[in-house]
Structures are given as C-alpha cells and as structure tokens.
Amino acid sequence: MLTCYAMVNSLLSLLLSLSFAQTFESPCHFAGEDDLLQSTVQIEGTQWTQTHKAFTDESCQQTYLIFEIKSLAKIFQTKISHSKSSTAQTFLKTPLDLQIQEVAYTSTLDSVTRALNEIAFCNHRDWQTQVRQIVTGEQCQDYAAPKKGQWIFTLLEITENEKVLRLGVSSPQKDGTSSDKRHIHFDPLAYRRK
C-alpha cells in the first residue's frame, strides 16, 4: 500500500506532468446511432484541445469531418482516492473549468464539403476541403457552438498508474453552463495517454 507521502509525491508528479504537452486518445467508438468517432485531448499547460474525428468506415481509417474545441483550463483543489486492493491506484478527481477560445470544423472529403455548403452549415457557404472553418459562437443546425470566453464547468479524473483521463458528461440538470450546474457524472469513455 502506498504511504500518504508516496501518494502526495505521485500526485505532484502527475500534476507537474500536465504542465508539459500530453495527449490522451479514446478508442474508435460509436456515438449516437451511426457516428463513428475517435477523440483526443491534447494538454499543453492550461491550453486544452479536444478533437473529435468522424470516420466513414468501421476500421477508422477515412475521416470525413474533424471537430475541434480549444480551451483554457482551470483545475481546482484535488481529491485523492486510494484503492486498498493489491492493484492500488491513486486517482485525481477534481473540478475542471474550461474557457472556450475557439471552435472549428474541418471537412476532409469533397462530398462532405459540398453538402456543408449546400445546407450553409454553421451559416457558412464557403467551406473548403482540408481547411479549418472557425465556428465559435455560431448555430450549426441543432448544435450551438460555444462562444469565445464561455465557460464549461465539468470534472476531471486521471488515474496515476494507467494514465487514463476521463471528463465529466452533461445531463439535463447538470449541463455545465454554470458552477451550480457543474457535471456530476463522468463520461464512460476513457482517454488513454499516447
């Protein structure tokens, strides 16, 4: 079993490591009924970039659309839990506030680019293949892209031993739009350190 001193040192090492560039990646997974996605979280100090790639095939080889959110992160006091099992792990569980800096889509296929232009997706008719289109604060069909400076109040969990990151997930009552509505559940999707 880890001593309290060892747990604190491990946690400090983990927090210090987040000040350098770290990338966590999810496995390719179905989101909704038919969207096949792979997501990454790239951390460079307080700058966090969440990228979601949508694929045309189940082998996750051909992307058709990339969605990206850039934020500034603020991590608060930490809660350490420690399992008493023989495979003990220390967890970092803490509130995480993300201030939106930029939201963008990139079409990677000409057919998708044409479709986005036809429907004026996010009020744009100037989509180009392989060119990022910044949509911060815009209405994109049923999705309202966050505005620059908007806060998302969520949760962060990192296991120190396995280097797994999990983020909070929105619910009807806890949608992350204010500190009182901070996410209270973790997304079952885990990101593993690359």
Protein backbone atom coordinates (compact mmCIF):
# COMPACT_ATOMS: atom_id res chain seq x y z
CA MET A 1 0.00 0.00 0.00
CA LEU A 2 1.25 3.48 -0.82
CA THR A 3 2.09 5.74 2.10
CA CYS A 4 0.49 9.16 2.31
CA TYR A 5 3.87 10.72 1.44
CA ALA A 6 4.22 8.49 -1.65
CA MET A 7 0.63 9.30 -2.74
CA VAL A 8 1.27 13.05 -2.46
CA ASN A 9 4.57 12.73 -4.40
CA SER A 10 2.85 10.66 -7.11
CA LEU A 11 0.06 13.21 -7.39
CA LEU A 12 2.52 16.11 -7.56
CA SER A 13 4.43 14.31 -10.31
CA LEU A 14 1.19 13.78 -12.22
CA LEU A 15 0.14 17.43 -11.89
CA LEU A 16 3.59 18.62 -12.96
CA SER A 17 3.44 16.33 -15.99
CA LEU A 18 0.26 18.10 -17.11
CA SER A 19 2.23 21.32 -17.46
CA PHE A 20 4.07 19.71 -20.39
CA ALA A 21 2.48 18.51 -23.62
CA GLN A 22 0.35 15.40 -23.06
CA THR A 23 -2.04 13.69 -25.46
CA PHE A 24 -4.81 11.31 -24.45
CA GLU A 25 -6.81 9.36 -27.06
CA SER A 26 -10.06 7.41 -26.98
CA PRO A 27 -10.60 4.21 -28.91
CA CYS A 28 -12.68 4.45 -32.06
CA HIS A 29 -16.31 4.20 -30.89
CA PHE A 30 -19.89 4.69 -31.97
CA ALA A 31 -21.51 7.92 -30.81
CA GLY A 32 -25.23 8.11 -31.30
CA GLU A 33 -26.75 5.72 -33.79
CA ASP A 34 -24.24 5.77 -36.63
CA ASP A 35 -21.40 8.20 -35.97
CA LEU A 36 -18.03 6.51 -35.62
CA LEU A 37 -15.63 8.77 -33.70
CA GLN A 38 -12.15 8.88 -32.24
CA SER A 39 -11.39 11.65 -29.79
CA THR A 40 -8.22 13.15 -28.38
CA VAL A 41 -7.45 15.59 -25.59
CA GLN A 42 -4.18 17.45 -26.02
CA ILE A 43 -2.92 19.28 -22.94
CA GLU A 44 -0.21 21.92 -23.09
CA GLY A 45 -0.21 23.58 -19.68
CA THR A 46 -3.50 25.47 -19.43
CA GLN A 47 -4.24 25.10 -23.15
CA TRP A 48 -6.50 22.12 -23.88
CA THR A 49 -7.62 20.98 -27.32
CA GLN A 50 -10.38 18.40 -27.72
CA THR A 51 -10.54 16.90 -31.21
CA HIS A 52 -13.23 14.53 -32.47
CA LYS A 53 -12.66 12.80 -35.81
CA ALA A 54 -15.68 11.27 -37.59
CA PHE A 55 -14.99 8.27 -39.83
CA THR A 56 -16.71 6.78 -42.85
CA ASP A 57 -15.56 3.23 -42.08
CA GLU A 58 -15.55 0.90 -39.08
CA SER A 59 -11.78 0.47 -39.32
CA CYS A 60 -11.46 4.21 -38.52
CA GLN A 61 -9.15 4.93 -41.43
CA GLN A 62 -11.04 7.53 -43.52
CA THR A 63 -12.12 10.72 -41.74
CA TYR A 64 -14.84 12.85 -43.22
CA LEU A 65 -15.15 15.59 -40.58
CA ILE A 66 -13.00 16.89 -37.73
CA PHE A 67 -14.46 18.90 -34.84
CA GLU A 68 -12.13 20.81 -32.52
CA ILE A 69 -12.59 22.85 -29.34
CA LYS A 70 -9.70 24.88 -27.93
CA SER A 71 -9.99 25.98 -24.30
CA LEU A 72 -8.06 27.41 -21.40
CA ALA A 73 -8.27 25.08 -18.39
CA LYS A 74 -8.52 25.88 -14.72
CA ILE A 75 -8.02 22.93 -12.36
CA PHE A 76 -9.12 23.32 -8.72
CA GLN A 77 -8.39 21.56 -5.44
CA THR A 78 -7.79 17.87 -5.80
CA LYS A 79 -9.48 14.92 -4.20
CA ILE A 80 -7.30 11.85 -3.86
CA SER A 81 -8.84 8.43 -3.50
CA HIS A 82 -6.80 5.32 -2.98
CA SER A 83 -7.90 1.75 -3.55
CA LYS A 84 -6.89 -0.76 -0.87
CA SER A 85 -6.68 -3.63 -3.34
CA SER A 86 -3.37 -5.20 -4.35
CA THR A 87 -3.55 -3.29 -7.64
CA ALA A 88 -3.94 0.05 -5.87
CA GLN A 89 -4.26 3.17 -7.94
CA THR A 90 -4.30 6.82 -6.99
CA PHE A 91 -6.93 8.95 -8.68
CA LEU A 92 -7.03 12.66 -9.27
CA LYS A 93 -10.67 13.77 -9.22
CA THR A 94 -11.28 17.48 -9.39
CA PRO A 95 -13.49 20.19 -10.84
CA LEU A 96 -12.28 21.43 -14.23
CA ASP A 97 -13.36 24.71 -15.77
CA LEU A 98 -12.78 25.17 -19.49
CA GLN A 99 -12.97 28.64 -21.04
CA ILE A 100 -13.69 28.37 -24.75
CA GLN A 101 -11.17 30.01 -27.07
CA GLU A 102 -12.13 28.56 -30.46
CA VAL A 103 -14.46 26.02 -32.06
CA ALA A 104 -13.78 24.72 -35.57
CA TYR A 105 -14.75 22.07 -38.09
CA THR A 106 -12.65 20.69 -40.93
CA SER A 107 -14.20 18.80 -43.82
CA THR A 108 -11.82 16.16 -45.16
CA LEU A 109 -13.84 14.96 -48.17
CA ASP A 110 -15.07 16.94 -51.19
CA SER A 111 -18.53 15.34 -50.95
CA VAL A 112 -18.88 16.49 -47.33
CA THR A 113 -17.65 19.97 -48.25
CA ARG A 114 -20.34 20.22 -50.95
CA ALA A 115 -23.02 19.08 -48.50
CA LEU A 116 -21.92 21.60 -45.85
CA ASN A 117 -22.06 24.41 -48.41
CA GLU A 118 -25.49 23.32 -49.69
CA ILE A 119 -27.05 23.50 -46.23
CA ALA A 120 -24.98 26.54 -45.16
CA PHE A 121 -23.75 24.60 -42.14
CA CYS A 122 -22.97 26.99 -39.25
CA ASN A 123 -24.21 29.81 -41.54
CA HIS A 124 -21.25 29.34 -43.90
CA ARG A 125 -21.29 28.68 -47.63
CA ASP A 126 -17.52 28.95 -48.02
CA TRP A 127 -16.44 25.51 -46.77
CA GLN A 128 -13.28 24.10 -48.34
CA THR A 129 -11.85 20.61 -48.08
CA GLN A 130 -8.96 20.34 -45.60
CA VAL A 131 -9.44 23.96 -44.43
CA ARG A 132 -10.46 24.67 -40.81
CA GLN A 133 -13.64 26.69 -40.56
CA ILE A 134 -13.91 28.60 -37.28
CA VAL A 135 -17.50 28.45 -35.99
CA THR A 136 -17.10 29.80 -32.45
CA GLY A 137 -20.49 31.08 -31.22
CA GLU A 138 -22.37 30.01 -34.35
CA GLN A 139 -25.54 27.95 -34.73
CA CYS A 140 -24.68 24.70 -36.54
CA GLN A 141 -28.02 23.01 -37.25
CA ASP A 142 -29.12 21.65 -33.82
CA TYR A 143 -25.76 22.43 -32.20
CA ALA A 144 -24.97 25.86 -30.78
CA ALA A 145 -21.18 26.15 -30.83
CA PRO A 146 -19.92 27.75 -27.61
CA LYS A 147 -18.97 31.42 -27.70
CA LYS A 148 -15.42 32.66 -27.11
CA GLY A 149 -14.96 33.17 -23.37
CA GLN A 150 -17.88 30.89 -22.46
CA TRP A 151 -17.15 28.55 -19.56
CA ILE A 152 -17.88 24.84 -19.35
CA PHE A 153 -17.94 23.56 -15.76
CA THR A 154 -17.01 19.90 -15.76
CA LEU A 155 -14.95 17.26 -13.93
CA LEU A 156 -11.53 15.71 -14.49
CA GLU A 157 -10.32 12.29 -13.40
CA ILE A 158 -6.85 10.90 -14.08
CA THR A 159 -5.52 7.57 -12.86
CA GLU A 160 -1.87 7.86 -11.99
CA ASN A 161 -0.90 4.24 -12.69
CA GLU A 162 -2.65 3.66 -16.01
CA LYS A 163 -2.54 7.20 -17.33
CA VAL A 164 -6.24 7.29 -18.14
CA LEU A 165 -8.19 10.56 -18.39
CA ARG A 166 -11.97 10.90 -18.07
CA LEU A 167 -14.09 14.03 -18.30
CA GLY A 168 -17.50 14.95 -16.97
CA VAL A 169 -20.59 14.48 -19.08
CA SER A 170 -23.63 16.72 -19.43
CA SER A 171 -27.06 15.78 -18.10
CA PRO A 172 -30.36 17.70 -18.30
CA GLN A 173 -29.98 19.16 -14.79
CA LYS A 174 -26.18 19.43 -14.78
CA ASP A 175 -25.32 20.78 -18.24
CA GLY A 176 -22.06 22.52 -17.26
CA THR A 177 -23.30 26.05 -18.06
CA SER A 178 -22.56 27.38 -14.54
CA SER A 179 -20.69 26.26 -11.43
CA ASP A 180 -24.06 25.31 -9.88
CA LYS A 181 -24.75 23.13 -12.92
CA ARG A 182 -21.30 21.51 -12.98
CA HIS A 183 -21.29 17.99 -14.44
CA ILE A 184 -21.57 15.37 -11.68
CA HIS A 185 -21.07 12.17 -13.68
CA PHE A 186 -18.06 11.01 -15.68
CA ASP A 187 -18.32 10.04 -19.31
CA PRO A 188 -17.78 6.27 -19.54
CA LEU A 189 -15.46 6.94 -22.49
CA ALA A 190 -11.85 6.91 -21.29
CA TYR A 191 -8.87 8.56 -22.97
CA ARG A 192 -5.51 6.78 -22.69
CA ARG A 193 -2.19 8.57 -22.75
CA LYS A 194 -0.45 8.18 -26.12
